[in-house]
Amino acid sequence: MLGAVAVVAAAALATAVASSDASAAGATSTYLVVYKDKTSTSGAGRAVSAAGGQLVATYAPISVVVARSSSPDFAVRMRAVKGVEGAVATTRFASAIDGGAVGADASATGDTTTDAPSVPANGVAGLNDSLSGLQWDMTQIKVGEAHAVSTGSPSVLVGDIDTGLDYTHPDLAPNVDAAASVNCVSGVPVAGVVAAMDDNGHGTHTAGTIAAAANGIGIVGVAPSVKIAGIKAGNADGFFFPEAVVCSFMWAAEHGVDVTNNSYFADPWLFNCRNDAEQRAIWTAERRAIKYAQSKGVLVVAAEGNQADDLSHPTFDATSPDNTTPVLRAISNACAVVPTEVPGVVGVSATGNKQMKSFYSSYGISEVDVAAPGGDSILQQTAAAPNGRVLSTWPASLLASTCLPARRVIDASGAAYCYQQGTSMASPHAAGVAALIASVTGKTGGALSAALQDAVNPIPCPTDVSAYAFFPALDGGAPQTCEGTLTQNSWFGAGEIDALKAVG
């Protein structure tokens, strides 16, 4: 039992589920079974067995069960169980890393942008690690000045819900909380940093932006003295299955996490529509898990996405399902992106080094709360950001296979780093600033969210958006437009985060 989260036979099942394909006779599909809200799941084991399945995990506080079965009518039989409002196979449903900016960048320019200096300058804006001269993003949001006030408290814990993190990386190792790290890929938590080891690279990058140590090596994170937990929900291919997302938020809720960073969108359905039974069941389970974490004081920070879409006025979804062949479908505001459109979640859009919205960043007057550096390799290359991207930590073992040659940087110590861009890179900046605020004020949940949205520099809608004409929405092709006021608009929300204001 993990606090209020009831995990069936947790100690034994953690090992068993990891090899469930081999050990569970005939079990080929994973299912989410969603009971009506606040309905007891005490009889779930018997019901699942009677329907021809195997119980994997029970998340009693949100009335959600994870099961496996090879029976073709398992979902139908479970939907007939008293108290069950939905059951859906998740095997063909996967989330995606927030990586659209990579595809857009590659199709537009390949990898021909100017390389970063091979020997960077040190000591930029109060940051003194060996690669700090390349951290234009930290300079832009005044991280160095903020560190003169606070580098964060080790009593504050950030959970990075991602592909795990490289706990051996010398810039991360000092701050990794091993006990709070977990692998949730199977839908049941397998605790420990070894289980949560990053096999993709994305999670190590986001973790470094949040909490890379100020230790003379490589880069410095926004909050280099806080603790960080790797909450592995994404696999080596960068896909996040719904049971992993549910598991991750339930784990965060029960393990003292103050802030979670979420640089992905959940389900293969970018927009989750309530009039579809399968999408609704998964959407409901994930929203309940997020709400439960929020009820425990967890601030959830999430990337807006890289589709250049107006999430407040959706018309088409051309991205879903992202794990097979996308099919264009008309949508409305009855369809929502998880987690960024879940109530109470801080949505983050991306900026580049000219403090313009990044060409790829999605937006929305009702969805963007703050903006943060995510990089822009097309519209915002500068002397400080010659390739436009954000530098952060990367697993050395994956550098050659997953980071393009022109984007690789190796510190004199041998530590590995990679340049990336996306709202994936923006969100951890905001999560890091939230961790600084929590460190100096003790605020949590909604109060922490409000403080984060106050610690900004407002940016108005641009009067000329012609530069974005070449980057219409990936879903439907609509031109990018900005609406709202200086203090709240669809591109920047309340404004770009300011670490110095956060600790002032």
Protein backbone atom coordinates (compact mmCIF):
# COMPACT_ATOMS: atom_id res chain seq x y z
CA MET A 1 0.00 0.00 0.00
CA LEU A 2 1.37 3.41 -0.94
CA GLY A 3 -0.47 5.81 1.37
CA ALA A 4 -3.99 6.25 0.06
CA VAL A 5 -3.02 4.68 -3.25
CA ALA A 6 -3.86 1.01 -3.06
CA VAL A 7 -1.49 -0.92 -5.28
CA VAL A 8 -2.32 -4.58 -5.42
CA ALA A 9 0.37 -6.74 -3.83
CA ALA A 10 2.77 -3.82 -4.39
CA ALA A 11 6.00 -5.44 -3.32
CA ALA A 12 5.53 -8.59 -5.39
CA LEU A 13 3.64 -7.02 -8.24
CA ALA A 14 6.30 -4.41 -8.95
CA THR A 15 8.50 -7.24 -10.20
CA ALA A 16 5.72 -9.32 -11.71
CA VAL A 17 4.19 -6.56 -13.79
CA ALA A 18 7.54 -5.62 -15.27
CA SER A 19 7.53 -9.03 -16.98
CA SER A 20 3.78 -9.36 -17.34
CA ASP A 21 3.89 -10.17 -21.03
CA ALA A 22 5.79 -13.32 -20.21
CA SER A 23 4.27 -14.26 -16.87
CA ALA A 24 0.57 -13.47 -17.28
CA ALA A 25 -0.85 -16.33 -19.27
CA GLY A 26 -2.32 -14.93 -22.44
CA ALA A 27 -2.49 -11.34 -21.15
CA THR A 28 -2.00 -9.11 -24.17
CA SER A 29 -3.81 -5.82 -23.50
CA THR A 30 -3.79 -3.31 -20.67
CA TYR A 31 -7.08 -1.69 -19.64
CA LEU A 32 -8.17 1.28 -17.60
CA VAL A 33 -11.37 0.55 -15.72
CA VAL A 34 -13.02 3.75 -14.52
CA TYR A 35 -15.59 3.45 -11.77
CA LYS A 36 -18.07 6.21 -11.07
CA ASP A 37 -16.49 8.97 -9.03
CA LYS A 38 -16.09 8.12 -5.34
CA THR A 39 -17.26 4.54 -5.92
CA SER A 40 -15.49 1.84 -3.92
CA THR A 41 -13.18 -0.42 -5.89
CA SER A 42 -12.95 -3.04 -3.13
CA GLY A 43 -14.56 -5.67 -5.34
CA ALA A 44 -12.49 -4.85 -8.42
CA GLY A 45 -10.28 -7.92 -8.14
CA ARG A 46 -13.22 -10.31 -8.26
CA ALA A 47 -14.89 -8.37 -11.07
CA VAL A 48 -11.74 -8.29 -13.19
CA SER A 49 -11.13 -12.00 -12.67
CA ALA A 50 -14.74 -12.85 -13.54
CA ALA A 51 -14.40 -10.82 -16.76
CA GLY A 52 -11.33 -12.81 -17.75
CA GLY A 53 -8.63 -10.39 -16.63
CA GLN A 54 -5.78 -9.89 -14.19
CA LEU A 55 -5.76 -6.98 -11.74
CA VAL A 56 -2.61 -4.87 -12.02
CA ALA A 57 -3.24 -1.87 -9.76
CA THR A 58 -6.08 -0.23 -7.89
CA TYR A 59 -6.02 3.54 -7.41
CA ALA A 60 -8.79 3.68 -4.83
CA PRO A 61 -8.81 7.46 -4.17
CA ILE A 62 -9.83 8.14 -7.78
CA SER A 63 -11.87 4.94 -8.37
CA VAL A 64 -9.64 3.74 -11.21
CA VAL A 65 -8.28 0.24 -11.83
CA VAL A 66 -5.55 -1.00 -14.17
CA ALA A 67 -5.99 -4.53 -15.51
CA ARG A 68 -4.71 -6.85 -18.22
CA SER A 69 -6.63 -9.35 -20.29
CA SER A 70 -6.52 -11.35 -23.50
CA SER A 71 -10.28 -11.70 -23.61
CA PRO A 72 -11.74 -9.78 -26.59
CA ASP A 73 -14.89 -8.92 -24.62
CA PHE A 74 -13.15 -7.90 -21.40
CA ALA A 75 -14.03 -4.20 -21.74
CA VAL A 76 -17.66 -4.98 -22.56
CA ARG A 77 -17.97 -7.26 -19.55
CA MET A 78 -16.35 -4.73 -17.22
CA ARG A 79 -18.68 -1.96 -18.41
CA ALA A 80 -21.56 -4.14 -17.23
CA VAL A 81 -20.16 -4.29 -13.67
CA LYS A 82 -22.11 -2.26 -11.16
CA GLY A 83 -20.45 1.11 -10.55
CA VAL A 84 -18.22 1.03 -13.65
CA GLU A 85 -18.68 3.95 -16.05
CA GLY A 86 -15.96 3.10 -18.56
CA ALA A 87 -13.38 0.49 -19.56
CA VAL A 88 -10.92 0.86 -22.40
CA ALA A 89 -7.86 -0.96 -23.71
CA THR A 90 -4.83 1.31 -23.59
CA THR A 91 -2.43 -0.84 -25.59
CA ARG A 92 -3.09 1.15 -28.75
CA PHE A 93 -3.28 4.46 -26.92
CA ALA A 94 -0.05 6.30 -26.18
CA SER A 95 0.90 9.84 -25.29
CA ALA A 96 3.62 11.71 -27.13
CA ILE A 97 6.61 13.68 -26.02
CA ASP A 98 6.04 17.34 -26.80
CA GLY A 99 8.33 17.07 -29.81
CA GLY A 100 6.56 18.76 -32.68
CA ALA A 101 9.11 21.56 -32.73
CA VAL A 102 11.78 19.06 -33.67
CA GLY A 103 9.81 17.90 -36.71
CA ALA A 104 8.91 21.43 -37.74
CA ASP A 105 12.51 22.54 -37.35
CA ALA A 106 13.87 19.61 -39.32
CA SER A 107 11.46 20.09 -42.19
CA ALA A 108 12.13 23.81 -42.34
CA THR A 109 15.88 24.05 -41.92
CA GLY A 110 17.37 20.66 -41.23
CA ASP A 111 20.38 21.02 -38.94
CA THR A 112 22.17 23.80 -40.80
CA THR A 113 21.94 26.53 -38.16
CA THR A 114 25.10 28.03 -36.72
CA ASP A 115 26.86 25.94 -34.11
CA ALA A 116 27.36 27.22 -30.59
CA PRO A 117 30.84 28.45 -29.59
CA SER A 118 33.12 25.51 -28.93
CA VAL A 119 34.63 27.26 -25.92
CA PRO A 120 31.87 29.21 -24.17
CA ALA A 121 32.45 32.20 -21.94
CA ASN A 122 31.92 31.73 -18.21
CA GLY A 123 30.16 33.74 -15.57
CA VAL A 124 27.16 35.05 -17.48
CA ALA A 125 24.70 36.90 -15.23
CA GLY A 126 25.88 35.25 -12.06
CA LEU A 127 26.03 31.69 -13.42
CA ASN A 128 29.53 30.29 -13.12
CA ASP A 129 29.55 26.70 -14.32
CA SER A 130 31.71 25.73 -17.28
CA LEU A 131 28.95 25.98 -19.90
CA SER A 132 27.01 28.85 -18.36
CA GLY A 133 28.09 31.10 -21.20
CA LEU A 134 25.69 29.16 -23.41
CA GLN A 135 22.68 29.57 -21.12
CA TRP A 136 20.94 32.49 -22.80
CA ASP A 137 17.67 31.13 -21.46
CA MET A 138 18.74 31.56 -17.83
CA THR A 139 20.10 35.04 -18.51
CA GLN A 140 16.80 36.01 -20.13
CA ILE A 141 14.74 35.17 -17.04
CA LYS A 142 17.32 36.53 -14.55
CA VAL A 143 18.22 33.24 -12.93
CA GLY A 144 21.73 34.36 -11.99
CA GLU A 145 20.41 37.42 -10.16
CA ALA A 146 17.79 35.26 -8.43
CA HIS A 147 20.49 32.92 -7.14
CA ALA A 148 22.00 35.79 -5.18
CA VAL A 149 18.80 35.57 -3.13
CA SER A 150 18.01 31.85 -3.25
CA THR A 151 19.06 28.76 -5.19
CA GLY A 152 16.13 26.85 -3.77
CA SER A 153 15.67 24.65 -0.74
CA PRO A 154 16.45 20.91 -0.58
CA SER A 155 13.15 20.55 1.27
CA VAL A 156 11.32 21.35 -1.99
CA LEU A 157 10.79 18.40 -4.34
CA VAL A 158 10.06 18.65 -8.06
CA GLY A 159 8.71 15.58 -9.81
CA ASP A 160 9.70 15.46 -13.47
CA ILE A 161 7.05 13.30 -15.16
CA ASP A 162 8.95 12.37 -18.28
CA THR A 163 11.11 9.57 -19.70
CA GLY A 164 13.03 9.26 -16.43
CA LEU A 165 16.37 10.92 -15.76
CA ASP A 166 20.03 9.94 -15.82
CA TYR A 167 20.74 9.83 -12.09
CA THR A 168 24.46 9.25 -12.82
CA HIS A 169 24.86 12.55 -14.67
CA PRO A 170 27.27 14.68 -12.59
CA ASP A 171 25.05 17.75 -12.97
CA LEU A 172 21.98 15.90 -11.67
CA ALA A 173 23.32 13.33 -9.21
CA PRO A 174 23.67 15.79 -6.28
CA ASN A 175 19.98 16.68 -6.41
CA VAL A 176 18.23 13.44 -7.33
CA ASP A 177 15.85 12.09 -4.68
CA ALA A 178 16.24 8.34 -5.09
CA ALA A 179 13.39 7.40 -2.76
CA ALA A 180 10.91 9.62 -4.62
CA SER A 181 11.95 8.41 -8.09
CA VAL A 182 9.85 5.76 -9.78
CA ASN A 183 9.11 3.89 -12.99
CA CYS A 184 5.37 4.07 -13.75
CA VAL A 185 5.50 2.78 -17.33
CA SER A 186 3.62 -0.45 -16.49
CA GLY A 187 0.88 1.37 -14.59
CA VAL A 188 2.16 0.23 -11.20
CA PRO A 189 5.04 2.06 -9.48
CA VAL A 190 8.47 0.45 -9.37
CA ALA A 191 10.43 2.66 -7.00
CA GLY A 192 14.04 3.80 -7.25
CA VAL A 193 16.41 5.67 -9.54
CA VAL A 194 17.60 2.53 -11.31
CA ALA A 195 14.04 1.74 -12.38
CA ALA A 196 13.55 5.38 -13.40
CA MET A 197 16.70 5.57 -15.54
CA ASP A 198 16.20 7.59 -18.72
CA ASP A 199 16.41 5.58 -21.94
CA ASN A 200 15.31 8.41 -24.23
CA GLY A 201 17.11 11.62 -23.21
CA HIS A 202 14.12 13.94 -23.06
CA GLY A 203 13.62 13.56 -19.31
CA THR A 204 17.27 14.21 -18.54
CA HIS A 205 17.08 17.44 -20.55
CA THR A 206 14.02 18.75 -18.73
CA ALA A 207 15.46 17.70 -15.36
CA GLY A 208 18.65 19.66 -15.99
CA THR A 209 16.74 22.83 -16.76
CA ILE A 210 14.93 22.49 -13.44
CA ALA A 211 17.70 21.44 -11.09
CA ALA A 212 21.18 20.98 -12.58
CA ALA A 213 23.60 21.60 -9.72
CA ALA A 214 25.75 24.73 -9.39
CA ASN A 215 28.92 22.67 -9.10
CA GLY A 216 31.33 24.13 -11.66
CA ILE A 217 30.38 21.46 -14.20
CA GLY A 218 28.32 22.15 -17.32
CA ILE A 219 25.14 24.14 -16.75
CA VAL A 220 23.13 25.50 -13.83
CA GLY A 221 19.41 24.79 -13.40
CA VAL A 222 16.76 27.31 -12.42
CA ALA A 223 16.64 25.87 -8.89
CA PRO A 224 19.99 24.11 -8.36
CA SER A 225 19.50 23.35 -4.67
CA VAL A 226 16.04 21.74 -4.78
CA LYS A 227 15.54 18.00 -4.99
CA ILE A 228 14.25 16.35 -8.15
CA ALA A 229 12.55 12.99 -8.63
CA GLY A 230 12.51 11.15 -11.91
CA ILE A 231 8.93 9.94 -12.43
CA LYS A 232 9.26 7.76 -15.50
CA ALA A 233 6.04 7.64 -17.51
CA GLY A 234 7.51 7.60 -21.01
CA ASN A 235 9.29 4.70 -22.67
CA ALA A 236 12.40 4.70 -24.86
CA ASP A 237 10.34 5.69 -27.89
CA GLY A 238 8.90 8.69 -26.06
CA PHE A 239 5.37 7.32 -25.70
CA PHE A 240 3.37 7.71 -22.50
CA PHE A 241 0.51 5.25 -22.00
CA PRO A 242 -2.52 6.39 -19.97
CA GLU A 243 -1.91 3.96 -17.10
CA ALA A 244 1.60 5.45 -16.74
CA VAL A 245 0.23 8.99 -16.57
CA VAL A 246 -2.33 8.00 -13.91
CA CYS A 247 0.32 6.14 -11.90
CA SER A 248 2.68 9.14 -12.07
CA PHE A 249 0.25 11.68 -10.64
CA MET A 250 -0.88 9.28 -7.92
CA TRP A 251 2.77 8.71 -6.99
CA ALA A 252 3.45 12.46 -6.90
CA ALA A 253 0.41 12.98 -4.68
CA GLU A 254 1.64 10.44 -2.12
CA HIS A 255 5.37 11.21 -2.07
CA GLY A 256 5.70 14.81 -1.05
CA VAL A 257 6.11 16.30 -4.51
CA ASP A 258 5.61 20.07 -4.54
CA VAL A 259 5.70 20.71 -8.30
CA THR A 260 5.44 18.43 -11.32
CA ASN A 261 6.75 19.24 -14.77
CA ASN A 262 4.84 17.73 -17.70
CA SER A 263 6.42 18.11 -21.13
CA TYR A 264 4.07 15.87 -23.12
CA PHE A 265 0.43 15.57 -24.12
CA ALA A 266 -1.58 12.63 -22.92
CA ASP A 267 -3.33 10.02 -25.08
CA PRO A 268 -2.82 9.58 -28.76
CA TRP A 269 -5.70 12.00 -29.03
CA LEU A 270 -4.12 15.44 -28.84
CA PHE A 271 -7.66 16.72 -28.25
CA ASN A 272 -9.72 14.39 -26.02
CA CYS A 273 -13.41 14.58 -26.88
CA ARG A 274 -16.05 13.85 -24.28
CA ASN A 275 -18.50 12.47 -26.85
CA ASP A 276 -16.18 9.51 -27.55
CA ALA A 277 -16.51 6.71 -24.98
CA GLU A 278 -12.89 5.56 -25.21
CA GLN A 279 -11.39 9.04 -25.10
CA ARG A 280 -13.73 10.03 -22.28
CA ALA A 281 -12.71 7.09 -20.07
CA ILE A 282 -9.00 7.82 -20.42
CA TRP A 283 -9.54 11.58 -20.12
CA THR A 284 -11.60 11.06 -16.95
CA ALA A 285 -8.99 8.80 -15.34
CA GLU A 286 -6.14 11.20 -16.07
CA ARG A 287 -8.07 14.26 -14.93
CA ARG A 288 -8.99 12.52 -11.67
CA ALA A 289 -5.35 11.64 -11.04
CA ILE A 290 -4.27 15.24 -11.69
CA LYS A 291 -7.05 16.57 -9.47
CA TYR A 292 -6.01 14.18 -6.71
CA ALA A 293 -2.42 15.39 -6.90
CA GLN A 294 -3.64 18.98 -6.78
CA SER A 295 -5.71 18.17 -3.69
CA LYS A 296 -2.44 17.17 -2.01
CA GLY A 297 -0.90 20.56 -2.77
CA VAL A 298 0.97 19.58 -5.95
CA LEU A 299 1.36 22.35 -8.53
CA VAL A 300 1.10 20.88 -12.03
CA VAL A 301 3.03 22.75 -14.74
CA ALA A 302 2.59 21.67 -18.37
CA ALA A 303 3.79 22.45 -21.89
CA GLU A 304 1.27 23.97 -24.29
CA GLY A 305 2.46 21.86 -27.23
CA ASN A 306 4.27 22.45 -30.51
CA GLN A 307 1.43 22.45 -33.03
CA ALA A 308 1.13 26.28 -33.33
CA ASP A 309 -2.54 25.65 -32.50
CA ASP A 310 -4.95 28.05 -30.81
CA LEU A 311 -6.13 25.71 -28.06
CA SER A 312 -8.90 28.10 -27.03
CA HIS A 313 -10.50 27.98 -30.48
CA PRO A 314 -9.85 24.46 -31.81
CA THR A 315 -11.33 23.52 -35.16
CA PHE A 316 -9.44 20.44 -36.37
CA ASP A 317 -7.21 17.72 -34.99
CA ALA A 318 -4.78 16.43 -37.60
CA THR A 319 -2.32 14.95 -35.07
CA SER A 320 -4.35 12.07 -33.65
CA PRO A 321 -3.96 9.24 -33.13
CA ASP A 322 -0.26 10.04 -32.90
CA ASN A 323 0.91 6.45 -32.48
CA THR A 324 -0.65 5.18 -35.72
CA THR A 325 -1.88 7.08 -38.78
CA PRO A 326 -3.43 10.46 -37.89
CA VAL A 327 -6.91 11.13 -39.26
CA LEU A 328 -8.20 14.67 -39.74
CA ARG A 329 -11.31 15.28 -37.63
CA ALA A 330 -13.37 18.34 -36.85
CA ILE A 331 -13.40 19.27 -33.15
CA SER A 332 -14.74 21.92 -30.79
CA ASN A 333 -14.17 23.13 -27.25
CA ALA A 334 -15.80 19.89 -26.11
CA CYS A 335 -12.34 18.45 -26.83
CA ALA A 336 -9.37 19.25 -24.59
CA VAL A 337 -5.61 18.69 -24.40
CA VAL A 338 -4.37 16.85 -21.29
CA PRO A 339 -2.68 17.89 -19.07
CA THR A 340 -2.41 21.55 -20.07
CA GLU A 341 -6.18 22.15 -20.32
CA VAL A 342 -7.06 20.47 -17.02
CA PRO A 343 -8.33 23.09 -14.52
CA GLY A 344 -5.61 24.41 -12.21
CA VAL A 345 -2.72 23.31 -14.44
CA VAL A 346 -0.24 26.08 -15.31
CA GLY A 347 0.06 26.13 -19.10
CA VAL A 348 3.39 27.33 -20.52
CA SER A 349 4.06 28.67 -24.01
CA ALA A 350 7.57 29.03 -25.46
CA THR A 351 9.70 32.08 -26.23
CA GLY A 352 13.05 32.51 -27.97
CA ASN A 353 15.98 34.83 -27.32
CA LYS A 354 14.18 37.82 -28.90
CA GLN A 355 11.33 37.32 -26.41
CA MET A 356 8.92 36.58 -29.23
CA LYS A 357 6.64 33.55 -29.17
CA SER A 358 8.47 30.58 -30.64
CA PHE A 359 7.30 29.77 -34.16
CA TYR A 360 5.97 26.34 -33.15
CA SER A 361 4.40 27.10 -29.77
CA SER A 362 0.69 26.46 -29.30
CA TYR A 363 -1.25 29.13 -27.46
CA GLY A 364 -4.72 30.19 -26.27
CA ILE A 365 -6.32 33.04 -24.35
CA SER A 366 -7.86 30.60 -21.87
CA GLU A 367 -4.94 28.17 -21.81
CA VAL A 368 -1.59 29.99 -21.56
CA ASP A 369 -0.77 31.15 -18.04
CA VAL A 370 2.90 32.07 -18.47
CA ALA A 371 5.64 32.00 -21.11
CA ALA A 372 9.21 30.74 -20.72
CA PRO A 373 12.28 30.13 -22.89
CA GLY A 374 11.84 27.11 -25.12
CA GLY A 375 14.05 28.14 -28.01
CA ASP A 376 13.42 29.11 -31.63
CA SER A 377 15.91 28.03 -34.29
CA ILE A 378 14.18 29.86 -37.15
CA LEU A 379 12.93 33.27 -36.07
CA GLN A 380 15.12 33.97 -33.05
CA GLN A 381 18.76 33.14 -33.65
CA THR A 382 20.96 35.73 -31.96
CA ALA A 383 24.60 36.23 -30.96
CA ALA A 384 23.75 34.80 -27.53
CA ALA A 385 21.67 31.97 -29.02
CA PRO A 386 23.36 31.21 -32.35
CA ASN A 387 21.34 28.06 -32.97
CA GLY A 388 18.28 29.33 -31.10
CA ARG A 389 17.94 26.25 -28.91
CA VAL A 390 18.17 25.49 -25.19
CA LEU A 391 21.17 23.60 -23.79
CA SER A 392 20.68 21.07 -21.00
CA THR A 393 21.84 17.75 -19.62
CA TRP A 394 21.79 14.53 -21.68
CA PRO A 395 22.72 10.93 -20.93
CA ALA A 396 26.26 10.34 -22.20
CA SER A 397 25.29 6.82 -23.30
CA LEU A 398 22.61 8.23 -25.60
CA LEU A 399 24.43 11.28 -26.96
CA ALA A 400 25.65 9.68 -30.18
CA SER A 401 22.36 7.98 -30.97
CA THR A 402 19.78 10.59 -29.95
CA CYS A 403 21.39 14.05 -30.20
CA LEU A 404 22.37 15.39 -33.63
CA PRO A 405 26.10 16.13 -33.99
CA ALA A 406 25.77 19.92 -34.25
CA ARG A 407 23.70 19.99 -31.06
CA ARG A 408 26.12 18.04 -28.84
CA VAL A 409 28.28 19.66 -26.19
CA ILE A 410 30.67 17.78 -23.91
CA ASP A 411 32.02 19.44 -20.79
CA ALA A 412 35.70 19.13 -19.91
CA SER A 413 34.64 16.66 -17.22
CA GLY A 414 33.13 14.43 -19.90
CA ALA A 415 29.52 15.24 -18.95
CA ALA A 416 27.13 15.33 -21.92
CA TYR A 417 24.69 18.06 -22.99
CA CYS A 418 22.37 18.57 -25.94
CA TYR A 419 20.55 21.50 -27.56
CA GLN A 420 16.78 21.07 -27.93
CA GLN A 421 13.78 23.30 -28.54
CA GLY A 422 10.08 23.04 -27.78
CA THR A 423 7.50 23.93 -25.19
CA SER A 424 9.02 20.84 -23.55
CA MET A 425 11.98 23.09 -22.80
CA ALA A 426 9.79 26.03 -21.69
CA SER A 427 7.73 24.15 -19.10
CA PRO A 428 10.68 23.09 -16.88
CA HIS A 429 11.84 26.72 -16.66
CA ALA A 430 8.44 27.58 -15.17
CA ALA A 431 8.52 24.54 -12.90
CA GLY A 432 11.95 25.59 -11.66
CA VAL A 433 10.78 29.13 -10.91
CA ALA A 434 7.78 27.68 -9.05
CA ALA A 435 10.24 25.63 -6.98
CA LEU A 436 12.17 28.81 -6.12
CA ILE A 437 8.93 30.48 -4.99
CA ALA A 438 8.02 27.44 -2.88
CA SER A 439 11.50 27.55 -1.35
CA VAL A 440 11.29 31.17 -0.19
CA THR A 441 7.57 31.40 0.63
CA GLY A 442 6.40 27.89 1.52
CA LYS A 443 3.44 28.32 -0.82
CA THR A 444 1.80 25.29 -2.41
CA GLY A 445 -0.99 24.49 -4.86
CA GLY A 446 -3.21 27.36 -5.93
CA ALA A 447 -1.29 29.96 -3.94
CA LEU A 448 1.94 28.85 -5.60
CA SER A 449 0.26 29.02 -9.02
CA ALA A 450 -0.89 32.59 -8.38
CA ALA A 451 2.58 33.62 -7.20
CA LEU A 452 4.17 32.13 -10.33
CA GLN A 453 1.79 34.07 -12.56
CA ASP A 454 2.67 37.25 -10.65
CA ALA A 455 6.43 36.73 -11.12
CA VAL A 456 6.45 37.71 -14.78
CA ASN A 457 7.29 40.46 -17.24
CA PRO A 458 4.21 41.12 -19.42
CA ILE A 459 4.69 40.95 -23.18
CA PRO A 460 1.99 42.43 -25.44
CA CYS A 461 0.56 40.84 -28.54
CA PRO A 462 2.78 41.82 -31.50
CA THR A 463 1.32 44.39 -33.87
CA ASP A 464 2.80 42.50 -36.81
CA VAL A 465 2.47 38.71 -36.96
CA SER A 466 3.61 38.34 -40.57
CA ALA A 467 6.73 36.44 -39.47
CA TYR A 468 4.44 33.59 -38.39
CA ALA A 469 2.67 33.33 -41.75
CA PHE A 470 4.99 30.49 -42.73
CA PHE A 471 4.02 28.48 -39.65
CA PRO A 472 0.25 27.95 -39.64
CA ALA A 473 -1.39 25.57 -37.18
CA LEU A 474 -0.41 21.97 -37.77
CA ASP A 475 -4.02 21.04 -37.02
CA GLY A 476 -6.17 22.64 -39.71
CA GLY A 477 -3.71 25.19 -41.10
CA ALA A 478 -5.18 28.27 -39.42
CA PRO A 479 -2.91 31.35 -39.32
CA GLN A 480 -1.43 32.25 -35.95
CA THR A 481 -3.13 35.22 -34.30
CA CYS A 482 -2.75 36.82 -30.88
CA GLU A 483 -5.60 38.17 -28.76
CA GLY A 484 -5.83 39.81 -25.34
CA THR A 485 -4.24 42.57 -23.32
CA LEU A 486 -0.75 43.35 -22.08
CA THR A 487 -1.42 41.58 -18.78
CA GLN A 488 -3.18 38.52 -20.21
CA ASN A 489 -3.01 37.39 -23.80
CA SER A 490 -3.13 34.22 -25.81
CA TRP A 491 0.58 34.05 -26.66
CA PHE A 492 2.28 34.89 -23.37
CA GLY A 493 -0.43 34.58 -20.71
CA ALA A 494 0.45 36.92 -17.85
CA GLY A 495 3.98 37.27 -19.26
CA GLU A 496 7.40 35.68 -19.40
CA ILE A 497 8.58 34.29 -16.06
CA ASP A 498 11.15 36.26 -14.06
CA ALA A 499 13.17 34.30 -11.48
CA LEU A 500 14.35 37.44 -9.71
CA LYS A 501 10.79 38.66 -9.18
CA ALA A 502 9.94 35.18 -7.94
CA VAL A 503 12.36 35.39 -5.02
CA GLY A 504 12.11 39.15 -4.43
